[in-house]
Amino acid sequence: MSEHPIAPGVIVDMHAHLYPEGCFDEVLKARPEFALARSERGLSLTCRGSHTMSAPVGETLADRVRTMDEAGVGIEVLSVGALSTGLAGDGDVALARRVNDGLAEVCREHPDRFRFVAALPWSRAADLVDELDRAMGLGAVGAGITTTVGEHTLDAPELREFWREAHRRKLLVLVHPTFPLNGPADDRGEYLAVGYLGETAMAAAKLTLGGVLEECPDVRVVWSHCGGSLCMVLDRVDRGYRRYEKCLRPPGEYLRECCYFDTVCLSGPALDCARDTFGADRLVYGTDEPHVRDASRAVLAALRARPWPASELEAILGGTARGLLGER
């Protein structure tokens, strides 16, 4: 448990981002198809001319804390979101260390306001375990992973040892969508807006149908954006699972037993659908700060507008997250 425990009733944002200086450097060195440009939204990372993610600039740590205070948010769990350390090649250890050192420093400065999940190197299993141990020693509460890691999907043999390690540790793993290397060229952002939701659903399907969650049921996975398009396709996936020999039960059962879904969503009907599909006890508050303007207050307003029991809303806003963070 943290030396600065989270009190009952505190609102916990499980999906927030912060980008340490230089965090794109190793990807740009390793991948000539990637470039960094400055836009009106800050720094924009592109792949073959396609917008893949932005990193807002100009916001200070004091600005972020002020935003949290104004919304009534007590804790943010920080990650680098769509930035896949798997793109850095031999530079993945340097990238992971830079990210983890930067996020850990923020948490040291404001230990009562921030937590972070570790970025990990993926090219060598020994490096992965070493950096995970180091990051946990710095205060990491889990690990972050993207829906594809370099060339690999989440069920790839190259990533299986990570999932086994996560299972052994009962590790919290935040999954964020990213732009796959086979994504379209010269995309203006449509893929980020729409395709990322499909990337999340596909990654969840691969973890379940590929047998990863059967083998590693003690990992605690949090999926971004209400699970992307999962709510719309889960019934279809459940009906077809028997053709996959490694998946012994309908995928929805695994997702409801060892997975959680953040509420980065402003649509009331979509939030209702996520609650009806996965259960209120599987939802955790998330905002995607600082990418969505006034996201903290907007998501809170969307959740509080739902006609759900107060006990459910209390759990979504912080109670369930406190359990995931080892605070009870």
C-alpha atoms as a PDB file:
ATOM      1  CA  MET A   1       0.000   0.000   0.000  1.00  0.00           C
ATOM      2  CA  SER A   2       1.150   3.545  -0.743  1.00  0.00           C
ATOM      3  CA  GLU A   3       2.613   5.679   2.038  1.00  0.00           C
ATOM      4  CA  HIS A   4      -0.117   8.136   1.012  1.00  0.00           C
ATOM      5  CA  PRO A   5      -3.272   5.982   1.058  1.00  0.00           C
ATOM      6  CA  ILE A   6      -6.367   6.971  -0.852  1.00  0.00           C
ATOM      7  CA  ALA A   7      -9.198   7.790   1.534  1.00  0.00           C
ATOM      8  CA  PRO A   8     -12.682   6.387   0.930  1.00  0.00           C
ATOM      9  CA  GLY A   9     -14.771   8.740  -1.178  1.00  0.00           C
ATOM     10  CA  VAL A  10     -11.818  10.190  -3.110  1.00  0.00           C
ATOM     11  CA  ILE A  11     -12.388  10.267  -6.879  1.00  0.00           C
ATOM     12  CA  VAL A  12      -9.729   8.282  -8.763  1.00  0.00           C
ATOM     13  CA  ASP A  13      -9.055   8.868 -12.462  1.00  0.00           C
ATOM     14  CA  MET A  14      -7.648   5.616 -13.881  1.00  0.00           C
ATOM     15  CA  HIS A  15      -6.992   6.999 -17.387  1.00  0.00           C
ATOM     16  CA  ALA A  16      -4.831  10.123 -17.497  1.00  0.00           C
ATOM     17  CA  HIS A  17      -1.642  10.923 -19.374  1.00  0.00           C
ATOM     18  CA  LEU A  18       1.600  12.759 -18.942  1.00  0.00           C
ATOM     19  CA  TYR A  19       4.513  12.703 -21.394  1.00  0.00           C
ATOM     20  CA  PRO A  20       8.031  13.110 -19.977  1.00  0.00           C
ATOM     21  CA  GLU A  21      10.340  15.257 -22.075  1.00  0.00           C
ATOM     22  CA  GLY A  22      12.061  13.314 -24.860  1.00  0.00           C
ATOM     23  CA  CYS A  23       9.731  10.327 -24.628  1.00  0.00           C
ATOM     24  CA  PHE A  24       9.371  10.130 -28.426  1.00  0.00           C
ATOM     25  CA  ASP A  25      13.100  10.215 -29.173  1.00  0.00           C
ATOM     26  CA  GLU A  26      13.810   6.478 -29.222  1.00  0.00           C
ATOM     27  CA  VAL A  27      10.843   5.763 -31.494  1.00  0.00           C
ATOM     28  CA  LEU A  28      11.974   8.440 -33.942  1.00  0.00           C
ATOM     29  CA  LYS A  29      15.488   6.945 -33.986  1.00  0.00           C
ATOM     30  CA  ALA A  30      14.265   3.401 -34.583  1.00  0.00           C
ATOM     31  CA  ARG A  31      11.364   4.015 -36.995  1.00  0.00           C
ATOM     32  CA  PRO A  32      11.926   6.231 -40.033  1.00  0.00           C
ATOM     33  CA  GLU A  33       8.208   6.044 -40.860  1.00  0.00           C
ATOM     34  CA  PHE A  34       7.453   8.061 -37.716  1.00  0.00           C
ATOM     35  CA  ALA A  35       7.822  11.834 -37.420  1.00  0.00           C
ATOM     36  CA  LEU A  36       7.088  14.501 -34.866  1.00  0.00           C
ATOM     37  CA  ALA A  37       5.405  17.765 -35.741  1.00  0.00           C
ATOM     38  CA  ARG A  38       4.053  20.696 -33.778  1.00  0.00           C
ATOM     39  CA  SER A  39       0.385  21.454 -34.271  1.00  0.00           C
ATOM     40  CA  GLU A  40      -2.226  23.613 -32.592  1.00  0.00           C
ATOM     41  CA  ARG A  41      -2.804  20.711 -30.168  1.00  0.00           C
ATOM     42  CA  GLY A  42       0.871  20.441 -29.244  1.00  0.00           C
ATOM     43  CA  LEU A  43       3.207  17.714 -30.474  1.00  0.00           C
ATOM     44  CA  SER A  44       1.778  15.327 -33.043  1.00  0.00           C
ATOM     45  CA  LEU A  45       3.324  11.900 -33.686  1.00  0.00           C
ATOM     46  CA  THR A  46       2.691  10.653 -37.220  1.00  0.00           C
ATOM     47  CA  CYS A  47       3.297   7.333 -38.978  1.00  0.00           C
ATOM     48  CA  ARG A  48       3.647   7.503 -42.775  1.00  0.00           C
ATOM     49  CA  GLY A  49       1.814  10.803 -42.665  1.00  0.00           C
ATOM     50  CA  SER A  50      -1.023   9.535 -40.445  1.00  0.00           C
ATOM     51  CA  HIS A  51      -1.789  11.257 -37.163  1.00  0.00           C
ATOM     52  CA  THR A  52      -1.346   8.644 -34.426  1.00  0.00           C
ATOM     53  CA  MET A  53      -1.368  10.619 -31.185  1.00  0.00           C
ATOM     54  CA  SER A  54      -0.810  14.049 -29.743  1.00  0.00           C
ATOM     55  CA  ALA A  55       1.100  15.205 -26.695  1.00  0.00           C
ATOM     56  CA  PRO A  56      -0.325  18.499 -25.429  1.00  0.00           C
ATOM     57  CA  VAL A  57       2.332  20.990 -24.400  1.00  0.00           C
ATOM     58  CA  GLY A  58       2.256  24.079 -22.223  1.00  0.00           C
ATOM     59  CA  GLU A  59       0.346  22.564 -19.314  1.00  0.00           C
ATOM     60  CA  THR A  60       2.304  22.702 -16.078  1.00  0.00           C
ATOM     61  CA  LEU A  61       1.949  20.314 -13.198  1.00  0.00           C
ATOM     62  CA  ALA A  62       0.325  23.127 -11.250  1.00  0.00           C
ATOM     63  CA  ASP A  63      -2.202  23.505 -14.097  1.00  0.00           C
ATOM     64  CA  ARG A  64      -3.042  19.806 -13.905  1.00  0.00           C
ATOM     65  CA  VAL A  65      -3.520  19.848 -10.167  1.00  0.00           C
ATOM     66  CA  ARG A  66      -5.718  22.937 -10.516  1.00  0.00           C
ATOM     67  CA  THR A  67      -7.853  21.114 -13.097  1.00  0.00           C
ATOM     68  CA  MET A  68      -8.220  18.174 -10.737  1.00  0.00           C
ATOM     69  CA  ASP A  69      -9.143  20.440  -7.843  1.00  0.00           C
ATOM     70  CA  GLU A  70     -11.755  22.287  -9.871  1.00  0.00           C
ATOM     71  CA  ALA A  71     -13.406  18.997 -10.862  1.00  0.00           C
ATOM     72  CA  GLY A  72     -13.052  17.402  -7.432  1.00  0.00           C
ATOM     73  CA  VAL A  73     -10.708  14.639  -8.636  1.00  0.00           C
ATOM     74  CA  GLY A  74      -8.316  13.428  -5.960  1.00  0.00           C
ATOM     75  CA  ILE A  75      -5.972  11.028  -7.780  1.00  0.00           C
ATOM     76  CA  GLU A  76      -4.845  10.503 -11.366  1.00  0.00           C
ATOM     77  CA  VAL A  77      -3.135   7.306 -12.551  1.00  0.00           C
ATOM     78  CA  LEU A  78      -0.657   8.429 -15.211  1.00  0.00           C
ATOM     79  CA  SER A  79       0.561   6.640 -18.334  1.00  0.00           C
ATOM     80  CA  VAL A  80       1.905   7.501 -21.784  1.00  0.00           C
ATOM     81  CA  GLY A  81      -1.180   5.994 -23.398  1.00  0.00           C
ATOM     82  CA  ALA A  82      -0.851   5.321 -27.125  1.00  0.00           C
ATOM     83  CA  LEU A  83       2.947   5.605 -27.133  1.00  0.00           C
ATOM     84  CA  SER A  84       4.146   2.035 -27.682  1.00  0.00           C
ATOM     85  CA  THR A  85       7.592   1.349 -26.270  1.00  0.00           C
ATOM     86  CA  GLY A  86       7.619  -1.656 -28.591  1.00  0.00           C
ATOM     87  CA  LEU A  87       8.340   0.713 -31.469  1.00  0.00           C
ATOM     88  CA  ALA A  88      11.714   1.726 -30.050  1.00  0.00           C
ATOM     89  CA  GLY A  89      13.628  -1.399 -31.073  1.00  0.00           C
ATOM     90  CA  ASP A  90      16.923  -1.675 -29.198  1.00  0.00           C
ATOM     91  CA  GLY A  91      16.113   1.645 -27.561  1.00  0.00           C
ATOM     92  CA  ASP A  92      13.144   0.226 -25.663  1.00  0.00           C
ATOM     93  CA  VAL A  93      15.015  -0.012 -22.351  1.00  0.00           C
ATOM     94  CA  ALA A  94      16.140   3.615 -22.577  1.00  0.00           C
ATOM     95  CA  LEU A  95      12.605   4.730 -23.477  1.00  0.00           C
ATOM     96  CA  ALA A  96      10.967   2.769 -20.658  1.00  0.00           C
ATOM     97  CA  ARG A  97      13.461   4.118 -18.120  1.00  0.00           C
ATOM     98  CA  ARG A  98      12.938   7.693 -19.301  1.00  0.00           C
ATOM     99  CA  VAL A  99       9.180   7.397 -19.025  1.00  0.00           C
ATOM    100  CA  ASN A 100       9.225   5.679 -15.647  1.00  0.00           C
ATOM    101  CA  ASP A 101      11.741   8.099 -14.168  1.00  0.00           C
ATOM    102  CA  GLY A 102       9.686  11.043 -15.407  1.00  0.00           C
ATOM    103  CA  LEU A 103       6.365   9.746 -14.105  1.00  0.00           C
ATOM    104  CA  ALA A 104       7.892   8.672 -10.810  1.00  0.00           C
ATOM    105  CA  GLU A 105       9.270  12.175 -10.320  1.00  0.00           C
ATOM    106  CA  VAL A 106       5.792  13.648 -10.757  1.00  0.00           C
ATOM    107  CA  CYS A 107       4.468  11.225  -8.163  1.00  0.00           C
ATOM    108  CA  ARG A 108       7.254  12.155  -5.759  1.00  0.00           C
ATOM    109  CA  GLU A 109       6.405  15.833  -6.146  1.00  0.00           C
ATOM    110  CA  HIS A 110       2.695  15.214  -5.513  1.00  0.00           C
ATOM    111  CA  PRO A 111       2.458  11.856  -3.730  1.00  0.00           C
ATOM    112  CA  ASP A 112      -1.103  12.465  -2.619  1.00  0.00           C
ATOM    113  CA  ARG A 113      -2.361  13.282  -6.136  1.00  0.00           C
ATOM    114  CA  PHE A 114      -0.700  10.959  -8.640  1.00  0.00           C
ATOM    115  CA  ARG A 115       0.113   7.305  -9.264  1.00  0.00           C
ATOM    116  CA  PHE A 116       1.676   5.828 -12.413  1.00  0.00           C
ATOM    117  CA  VAL A 117       1.852   2.617 -14.400  1.00  0.00           C
ATOM    118  CA  ALA A 118       5.192   1.473 -15.767  1.00  0.00           C
ATOM    119  CA  ALA A 119       6.273   1.561 -19.386  1.00  0.00           C
ATOM    120  CA  LEU A 120       8.180  -1.624 -20.227  1.00  0.00           C
ATOM    121  CA  PRO A 121      10.776  -2.772 -22.781  1.00  0.00           C
ATOM    122  CA  TRP A 122       9.560  -5.701 -24.844  1.00  0.00           C
ATOM    123  CA  SER A 123      12.466  -7.003 -26.930  1.00  0.00           C
ATOM    124  CA  ARG A 124      14.054  -9.109 -24.159  1.00  0.00           C
ATOM    125  CA  ALA A 125      12.193 -10.860 -21.336  1.00  0.00           C
ATOM    126  CA  ALA A 126      15.015 -10.265 -18.856  1.00  0.00           C
ATOM    127  CA  ASP A 127      14.990  -6.524 -19.535  1.00  0.00           C
ATOM    128  CA  LEU A 128      11.214  -6.464 -19.112  1.00  0.00           C
ATOM    129  CA  VAL A 129      11.332  -8.085 -15.680  1.00  0.00           C
ATOM    130  CA  ASP A 130      14.275  -5.926 -14.583  1.00  0.00           C
ATOM    131  CA  GLU A 131      12.510  -2.705 -15.563  1.00  0.00           C
ATOM    132  CA  LEU A 132       9.221  -3.831 -14.038  1.00  0.00           C
ATOM    133  CA  ASP A 133      11.015  -4.509 -10.752  1.00  0.00           C
ATOM    134  CA  ARG A 134      12.778  -1.134 -10.958  1.00  0.00           C
ATOM    135  CA  ALA A 135       9.563   0.737 -11.765  1.00  0.00           C
ATOM    136  CA  MET A 136       7.651  -0.952  -8.966  1.00  0.00           C
ATOM    137  CA  GLY A 137      10.479   0.106  -6.662  1.00  0.00           C
ATOM    138  CA  LEU A 138       9.886   3.677  -7.858  1.00  0.00           C
ATOM    139  CA  GLY A 139       6.230   3.373  -6.903  1.00  0.00           C
ATOM    140  CA  ALA A 140       4.520   2.082 -10.057  1.00  0.00           C
ATOM    141  CA  VAL A 141       1.093   0.575  -9.346  1.00  0.00           C
ATOM    142  CA  GLY A 142       1.050  -1.614 -12.451  1.00  0.00           C
ATOM    143  CA  ALA A 143       2.073  -1.631 -16.092  1.00  0.00           C
ATOM    144  CA  GLY A 144       0.812  -0.043 -19.282  1.00  0.00           C
ATOM    145  CA  ILE A 145       0.617  -1.806 -22.629  1.00  0.00           C
ATOM    146  CA  THR A 146      -0.761  -0.820 -26.029  1.00  0.00           C
ATOM    147  CA  THR A 147      -3.143  -2.864 -28.156  1.00  0.00           C
ATOM    148  CA  THR A 148      -0.248  -3.813 -30.408  1.00  0.00           C
ATOM    149  CA  VAL A 149       3.377  -3.852 -29.262  1.00  0.00           C
ATOM    150  CA  GLY A 150       5.568  -3.106 -32.264  1.00  0.00           C
ATOM    151  CA  GLU A 151       4.700  -5.871 -34.735  1.00  0.00           C
ATOM    152  CA  HIS A 152       3.044  -8.061 -32.103  1.00  0.00           C
ATOM    153  CA  THR A 153      -0.583  -8.505 -31.123  1.00  0.00           C
ATOM    154  CA  LEU A 154      -1.303  -9.047 -27.435  1.00  0.00           C
ATOM    155  CA  ASP A 155      -1.663 -12.823 -27.792  1.00  0.00           C
ATOM    156  CA  ALA A 156       1.666 -13.209 -29.610  1.00  0.00           C
ATOM    157  CA  PRO A 157       4.123 -15.827 -28.275  1.00  0.00           C
ATOM    158  CA  GLU A 158       6.654 -13.027 -27.811  1.00  0.00           C
ATOM    159  CA  LEU A 159       4.400 -11.436 -25.165  1.00  0.00           C
ATOM    160  CA  ARG A 160       3.222 -14.583 -23.411  1.00  0.00           C
ATOM    161  CA  GLU A 161       5.915 -14.424 -20.726  1.00  0.00           C
ATOM    162  CA  PHE A 162       4.764 -10.908 -19.846  1.00  0.00           C
ATOM    163  CA  TRP A 163       1.230 -12.153 -19.241  1.00  0.00           C
ATOM    164  CA  ARG A 164       2.543 -15.048 -17.146  1.00  0.00           C
ATOM    165  CA  GLU A 165       4.586 -12.603 -15.091  1.00  0.00           C
ATOM    166  CA  ALA A 166       1.557 -10.334 -14.733  1.00  0.00           C
ATOM    167  CA  HIS A 167      -0.495 -13.344 -13.595  1.00  0.00           C
ATOM    168  CA  ARG A 168       2.129 -14.342 -11.026  1.00  0.00           C
ATOM    169  CA  ARG A 169       2.193 -10.804  -9.615  1.00  0.00           C
ATOM    170  CA  LYS A 170      -1.578 -10.242  -9.909  1.00  0.00           C
ATOM    171  CA  LEU A 171      -0.486  -7.146 -11.801  1.00  0.00           C
ATOM    172  CA  LEU A 172      -2.704  -4.227 -12.775  1.00  0.00           C
ATOM    173  CA  VAL A 173      -2.339  -3.729 -16.551  1.00  0.00           C
ATOM    174  CA  LEU A 174      -3.819  -0.705 -18.327  1.00  0.00           C
ATOM    175  CA  VAL A 175      -4.406  -1.309 -22.047  1.00  0.00           C
ATOM    176  CA  HIS A 176      -4.518   1.694 -24.366  1.00  0.00           C
ATOM    177  CA  PRO A 177      -5.205   1.627 -28.126  1.00  0.00           C
ATOM    178  CA  THR A 178      -2.435   2.605 -30.504  1.00  0.00           C
ATOM    179  CA  PHE A 179      -1.834   3.018 -34.221  1.00  0.00           C
ATOM    180  CA  PRO A 180      -0.755  -0.350 -35.677  1.00  0.00           C
ATOM    181  CA  LEU A 181       2.201  -0.498 -38.039  1.00  0.00           C
ATOM    182  CA  ASN A 182      -0.106  -1.697 -40.830  1.00  0.00           C
ATOM    183  CA  GLY A 183      -2.463   1.246 -40.308  1.00  0.00           C
ATOM    184  CA  PRO A 184      -3.416   3.517 -43.215  1.00  0.00           C
ATOM    185  CA  ALA A 185      -1.062   6.159 -44.595  1.00  0.00           C
ATOM    186  CA  ASP A 186      -1.961   9.851 -44.723  1.00  0.00           C
ATOM    187  CA  ASP A 187      -4.855   9.481 -42.310  1.00  0.00           C
ATOM    188  CA  ARG A 188      -5.939  12.807 -40.826  1.00  0.00           C
ATOM    189  CA  GLY A 189      -7.113  11.332 -37.528  1.00  0.00           C
ATOM    190  CA  GLU A 190     -10.118   9.242 -38.480  1.00  0.00           C
ATOM    191  CA  TYR A 191      -8.275   6.117 -37.367  1.00  0.00           C
ATOM    192  CA  LEU A 192      -7.548   7.634 -33.979  1.00  0.00           C
ATOM    193  CA  ALA A 193     -11.183   8.695 -33.620  1.00  0.00           C
ATOM    194  CA  VAL A 194     -12.818   5.465 -34.821  1.00  0.00           C
ATOM    195  CA  GLY A 195     -10.206   2.785 -35.474  1.00  0.00           C
ATOM    196  CA  TYR A 196      -8.760   2.959 -31.964  1.00  0.00           C
ATOM    197  CA  LEU A 197     -12.073   1.665 -30.588  1.00  0.00           C
ATOM    198  CA  GLY A 198     -11.830  -1.339 -32.897  1.00  0.00           C
ATOM    199  CA  GLU A 199      -8.199  -1.871 -31.895  1.00  0.00           C
ATOM    200  CA  THR A 200      -9.323  -2.227 -28.280  1.00  0.00           C
ATOM    201  CA  ALA A 201     -12.045  -4.714 -29.154  1.00  0.00           C
ATOM    202  CA  MET A 202      -9.656  -6.744 -31.321  1.00  0.00           C
ATOM    203  CA  ALA A 203      -7.012  -6.839 -28.579  1.00  0.00           C
ATOM    204  CA  ALA A 204      -9.586  -8.064 -26.056  1.00  0.00           C
ATOM    205  CA  ALA A 205     -10.770 -10.718 -28.497  1.00  0.00           C
ATOM    206  CA  LYS A 206      -7.208 -11.939 -29.002  1.00  0.00           C
ATOM    207  CA  LEU A 207      -6.510 -12.164 -25.260  1.00  0.00           C
ATOM    208  CA  THR A 208      -9.646 -14.216 -24.713  1.00  0.00           C
ATOM    209  CA  LEU A 209      -9.854 -16.326 -27.868  1.00  0.00           C
ATOM    210  CA  GLY A 210      -6.086 -16.902 -27.823  1.00  0.00           C
ATOM    211  CA  GLY A 211      -6.269 -18.403 -24.337  1.00  0.00           C
ATOM    212  CA  VAL A 212      -4.194 -15.747 -22.560  1.00  0.00           C
ATOM    213  CA  LEU A 213      -6.840 -14.984 -19.931  1.00  0.00           C
ATOM    214  CA  GLU A 214      -7.518 -18.703 -19.511  1.00  0.00           C
ATOM    215  CA  GLU A 215      -3.848 -19.280 -18.694  1.00  0.00           C
ATOM    216  CA  CYS A 216      -3.378 -16.034 -16.755  1.00  0.00           C
ATOM    217  CA  PRO A 217      -6.641 -15.322 -14.902  1.00  0.00           C
ATOM    218  CA  ASP A 218      -5.051 -13.361 -12.061  1.00  0.00           C
ATOM    219  CA  VAL A 219      -3.925 -10.457 -14.225  1.00  0.00           C
ATOM    220  CA  ARG A 220      -6.156  -7.412 -13.686  1.00  0.00           C
ATOM    221  CA  VAL A 221      -6.721  -5.682 -17.023  1.00  0.00           C
ATOM    222  CA  VAL A 222      -8.285  -2.244 -17.449  1.00  0.00           C
ATOM    223  CA  TRP A 223      -9.470  -1.515 -20.995  1.00  0.00           C
ATOM    224  CA  SER A 224      -9.734   2.057 -22.268  1.00  0.00           C
ATOM    225  CA  HIS A 225     -12.800   3.958 -23.479  1.00  0.00           C
ATOM    226  CA  CYS A 226     -15.458   1.584 -22.084  1.00  0.00           C
ATOM    227  CA  GLY A 227     -13.785  -1.247 -23.975  1.00  0.00           C
ATOM    228  CA  GLY A 228     -13.988   0.508 -27.333  1.00  0.00           C
ATOM    229  CA  SER A 229     -16.487  -1.267 -29.580  1.00  0.00           C
ATOM    230  CA  LEU A 230     -16.588  -4.410 -27.412  1.00  0.00           C
ATOM    231  CA  CYS A 231     -20.121  -3.792 -26.186  1.00  0.00           C
ATOM    232  CA  MET A 232     -21.417  -3.919 -29.762  1.00  0.00           C
ATOM    233  CA  VAL A 233     -19.613  -7.111 -30.772  1.00  0.00           C
ATOM    234  CA  LEU A 234     -19.271  -9.178 -27.591  1.00  0.00           C
ATOM    235  CA  ASP A 235     -22.437 -11.189 -28.211  1.00  0.00           C
ATOM    236  CA  ARG A 236     -21.101 -12.099 -31.677  1.00  0.00           C
ATOM    237  CA  VAL A 237     -17.720 -13.113 -30.236  1.00  0.00           C
ATOM    238  CA  ASP A 238     -19.373 -15.173 -27.491  1.00  0.00           C
ATOM    239  CA  ARG A 239     -21.428 -17.091 -30.049  1.00  0.00           C
ATOM    240  CA  GLY A 240     -18.376 -18.030 -32.120  1.00  0.00           C
ATOM    241  CA  TYR A 241     -15.822 -18.877 -29.440  1.00  0.00           C
ATOM    242  CA  ARG A 242     -16.047 -22.673 -29.775  1.00  0.00           C
ATOM    243  CA  ARG A 243     -13.984 -22.670 -32.949  1.00  0.00           C
ATOM    244  CA  TYR A 244     -10.992 -21.509 -30.883  1.00  0.00           C
ATOM    245  CA  GLU A 245      -9.578 -24.451 -28.945  1.00  0.00           C
ATOM    246  CA  LYS A 246      -7.638 -22.308 -26.446  1.00  0.00           C
ATOM    247  CA  CYS A 247     -10.742 -20.417 -25.346  1.00  0.00           C
ATOM    248  CA  LEU A 248     -12.707 -22.732 -23.060  1.00  0.00           C
ATOM    249  CA  ARG A 249     -15.572 -20.382 -22.171  1.00  0.00           C
ATOM    250  CA  PRO A 250     -17.400 -17.476 -23.807  1.00  0.00           C
ATOM    251  CA  PRO A 251     -15.007 -14.475 -23.915  1.00  0.00           C
ATOM    252  CA  GLY A 252     -17.500 -12.328 -22.062  1.00  0.00           C
ATOM    253  CA  GLU A 253     -17.041 -14.488 -18.980  1.00  0.00           C
ATOM    254  CA  TYR A 254     -13.306 -13.791 -18.875  1.00  0.00           C
ATOM    255  CA  LEU A 255     -13.872 -10.079 -19.471  1.00  0.00           C
ATOM    256  CA  ARG A 256     -16.369  -9.847 -16.615  1.00  0.00           C
ATOM    257  CA  GLU A 257     -14.174 -11.821 -14.215  1.00  0.00           C
ATOM    258  CA  CYS A 258     -10.673 -10.330 -14.550  1.00  0.00           C
ATOM    259  CA  CYS A 259     -11.148  -7.137 -16.586  1.00  0.00           C
ATOM    260  CA  TYR A 260     -12.300  -3.598 -15.930  1.00  0.00           C
ATOM    261  CA  PHE A 261     -13.313  -0.772 -18.245  1.00  0.00           C
ATOM    262  CA  ASP A 262     -12.690   2.935 -17.803  1.00  0.00           C
ATOM    263  CA  THR A 263     -15.400   5.504 -18.460  1.00  0.00           C
ATOM    264  CA  VAL A 264     -13.659   7.773 -20.984  1.00  0.00           C
ATOM    265  CA  CYS A 265     -16.986   8.523 -22.653  1.00  0.00           C
ATOM    266  CA  LEU A 266     -19.478  11.386 -22.633  1.00  0.00           C
ATOM    267  CA  SER A 267     -22.441   9.497 -24.118  1.00  0.00           C
ATOM    268  CA  GLY A 268     -25.106   8.458 -21.645  1.00  0.00           C
ATOM    269  CA  PRO A 269     -26.441   5.582 -23.788  1.00  0.00           C
ATOM    270  CA  ALA A 270     -22.898   4.296 -24.341  1.00  0.00           C
ATOM    271  CA  LEU A 271     -22.214   4.364 -20.599  1.00  0.00           C
ATOM    272  CA  ASP A 272     -25.490   2.515 -20.017  1.00  0.00           C
ATOM    273  CA  CYS A 273     -24.440  -0.088 -22.574  1.00  0.00           C
ATOM    274  CA  ALA A 274     -21.073  -0.619 -20.859  1.00  0.00           C
ATOM    275  CA  ARG A 275     -22.784  -0.999 -17.484  1.00  0.00           C
ATOM    276  CA  ASP A 276     -25.338  -3.437 -18.883  1.00  0.00           C
ATOM    277  CA  THR A 277     -22.671  -5.435 -20.744  1.00  0.00           C
ATOM    278  CA  PHE A 278     -19.941  -5.706 -18.125  1.00  0.00           C
ATOM    279  CA  GLY A 279     -21.605  -4.729 -14.841  1.00  0.00           C
ATOM    280  CA  ALA A 280     -21.225  -1.584 -12.765  1.00  0.00           C
ATOM    281  CA  ASP A 281     -18.621  -3.326 -10.602  1.00  0.00           C
ATOM    282  CA  ARG A 282     -16.339  -3.534 -13.661  1.00  0.00           C
ATOM    283  CA  LEU A 283     -16.372   0.205 -14.458  1.00  0.00           C
ATOM    284  CA  VAL A 284     -13.790   2.738 -13.231  1.00  0.00           C
ATOM    285  CA  TYR A 285     -13.748   6.480 -13.749  1.00  0.00           C
ATOM    286  CA  GLY A 286     -11.356   7.718 -16.437  1.00  0.00           C
ATOM    287  CA  THR A 287     -11.004  10.973 -18.374  1.00  0.00           C
ATOM    288  CA  ASP A 288      -8.131  10.891 -20.917  1.00  0.00           C
ATOM    289  CA  GLU A 289      -6.750  14.107 -19.414  1.00  0.00           C
ATOM    290  CA  PRO A 290      -5.307  16.285 -20.874  1.00  0.00           C
ATOM    291  CA  HIS A 291      -6.488  15.296 -24.365  1.00  0.00           C
ATOM    292  CA  VAL A 292     -10.184  16.137 -23.967  1.00  0.00           C
ATOM    293  CA  ARG A 293     -11.016  19.702 -22.996  1.00  0.00           C
ATOM    294  CA  ASP A 294     -12.556  19.893 -19.507  1.00  0.00           C
ATOM    295  CA  ALA A 295     -12.671  16.092 -19.515  1.00  0.00           C
ATOM    296  CA  SER A 296     -12.660  15.602 -15.747  1.00  0.00           C
ATOM    297  CA  ARG A 297     -15.820  17.610 -15.166  1.00  0.00           C
ATOM    298  CA  ALA A 298     -17.481  16.449 -18.401  1.00  0.00           C
ATOM    299  CA  VAL A 299     -17.106  12.732 -17.655  1.00  0.00           C
ATOM    300  CA  LEU A 300     -18.219  13.274 -14.069  1.00  0.00           C
ATOM    301  CA  ALA A 301     -21.304  15.110 -15.309  1.00  0.00           C
ATOM    302  CA  ALA A 302     -22.092  12.318 -17.777  1.00  0.00           C
ATOM    303  CA  LEU A 303     -21.818   9.683 -15.044  1.00  0.00           C
ATOM    304  CA  ARG A 304     -23.822  11.649 -12.501  1.00  0.00           C
ATOM    305  CA  ALA A 305     -26.583  12.146 -15.052  1.00  0.00           C
ATOM    306  CA  ARG A 306     -27.163   8.396 -15.265  1.00  0.00           C
ATOM    307  CA  PRO A 307     -30.065   7.036 -13.159  1.00  0.00           C
ATOM    308  CA  TRP A 308     -27.793   4.535 -11.436  1.00  0.00           C
ATOM    309  CA  PRO A 309     -27.782   3.725  -7.713  1.00  0.00           C
ATOM    310  CA  ALA A 310     -25.555   5.971  -5.621  1.00  0.00           C
ATOM    311  CA  SER A 311     -23.623   2.952  -4.367  1.00  0.00           C
ATOM    312  CA  GLU A 312     -22.687   2.010  -7.931  1.00  0.00           C
ATOM    313  CA  LEU A 313     -21.553   5.524  -8.778  1.00  0.00           C
ATOM    314  CA  GLU A 314     -19.469   5.708  -5.617  1.00  0.00           C
ATOM    315  CA  ALA A 315     -17.691   2.492  -6.589  1.00  0.00           C
ATOM    316  CA  ILE A 316     -17.121   3.652 -10.170  1.00  0.00           C
ATOM    317  CA  LEU A 317     -15.682   7.001  -9.070  1.00  0.00           C
ATOM    318  CA  GLY A 318     -13.181   5.560  -6.647  1.00  0.00           C
ATOM    319  CA  GLY A 319     -14.105   2.492  -4.648  1.00  0.00           C
ATOM    320  CA  THR A 320     -13.250  -0.067  -7.318  1.00  0.00           C
ATOM    321  CA  ALA A 321     -10.069   1.778  -8.258  1.00  0.00           C
ATOM    322  CA  ARG A 322      -8.927   1.795  -4.636  1.00  0.00           C
ATOM    323  CA  GLY A 323      -9.148  -1.985  -4.682  1.00  0.00           C
ATOM    324  CA  LEU A 324      -7.215  -2.244  -7.939  1.00  0.00           C
ATOM    325  CA  LEU A 325      -4.514  -0.009  -6.482  1.00  0.00           C
ATOM    326  CA  GLY A 326      -4.214  -2.152  -3.369  1.00  0.00           C
ATOM    327  CA  GLU A 327      -5.763   0.467  -1.106  1.00  0.00           C
ATOM    328  CA  ARG A 328      -8.121  -1.795   0.807  1.00  0.00           C
END
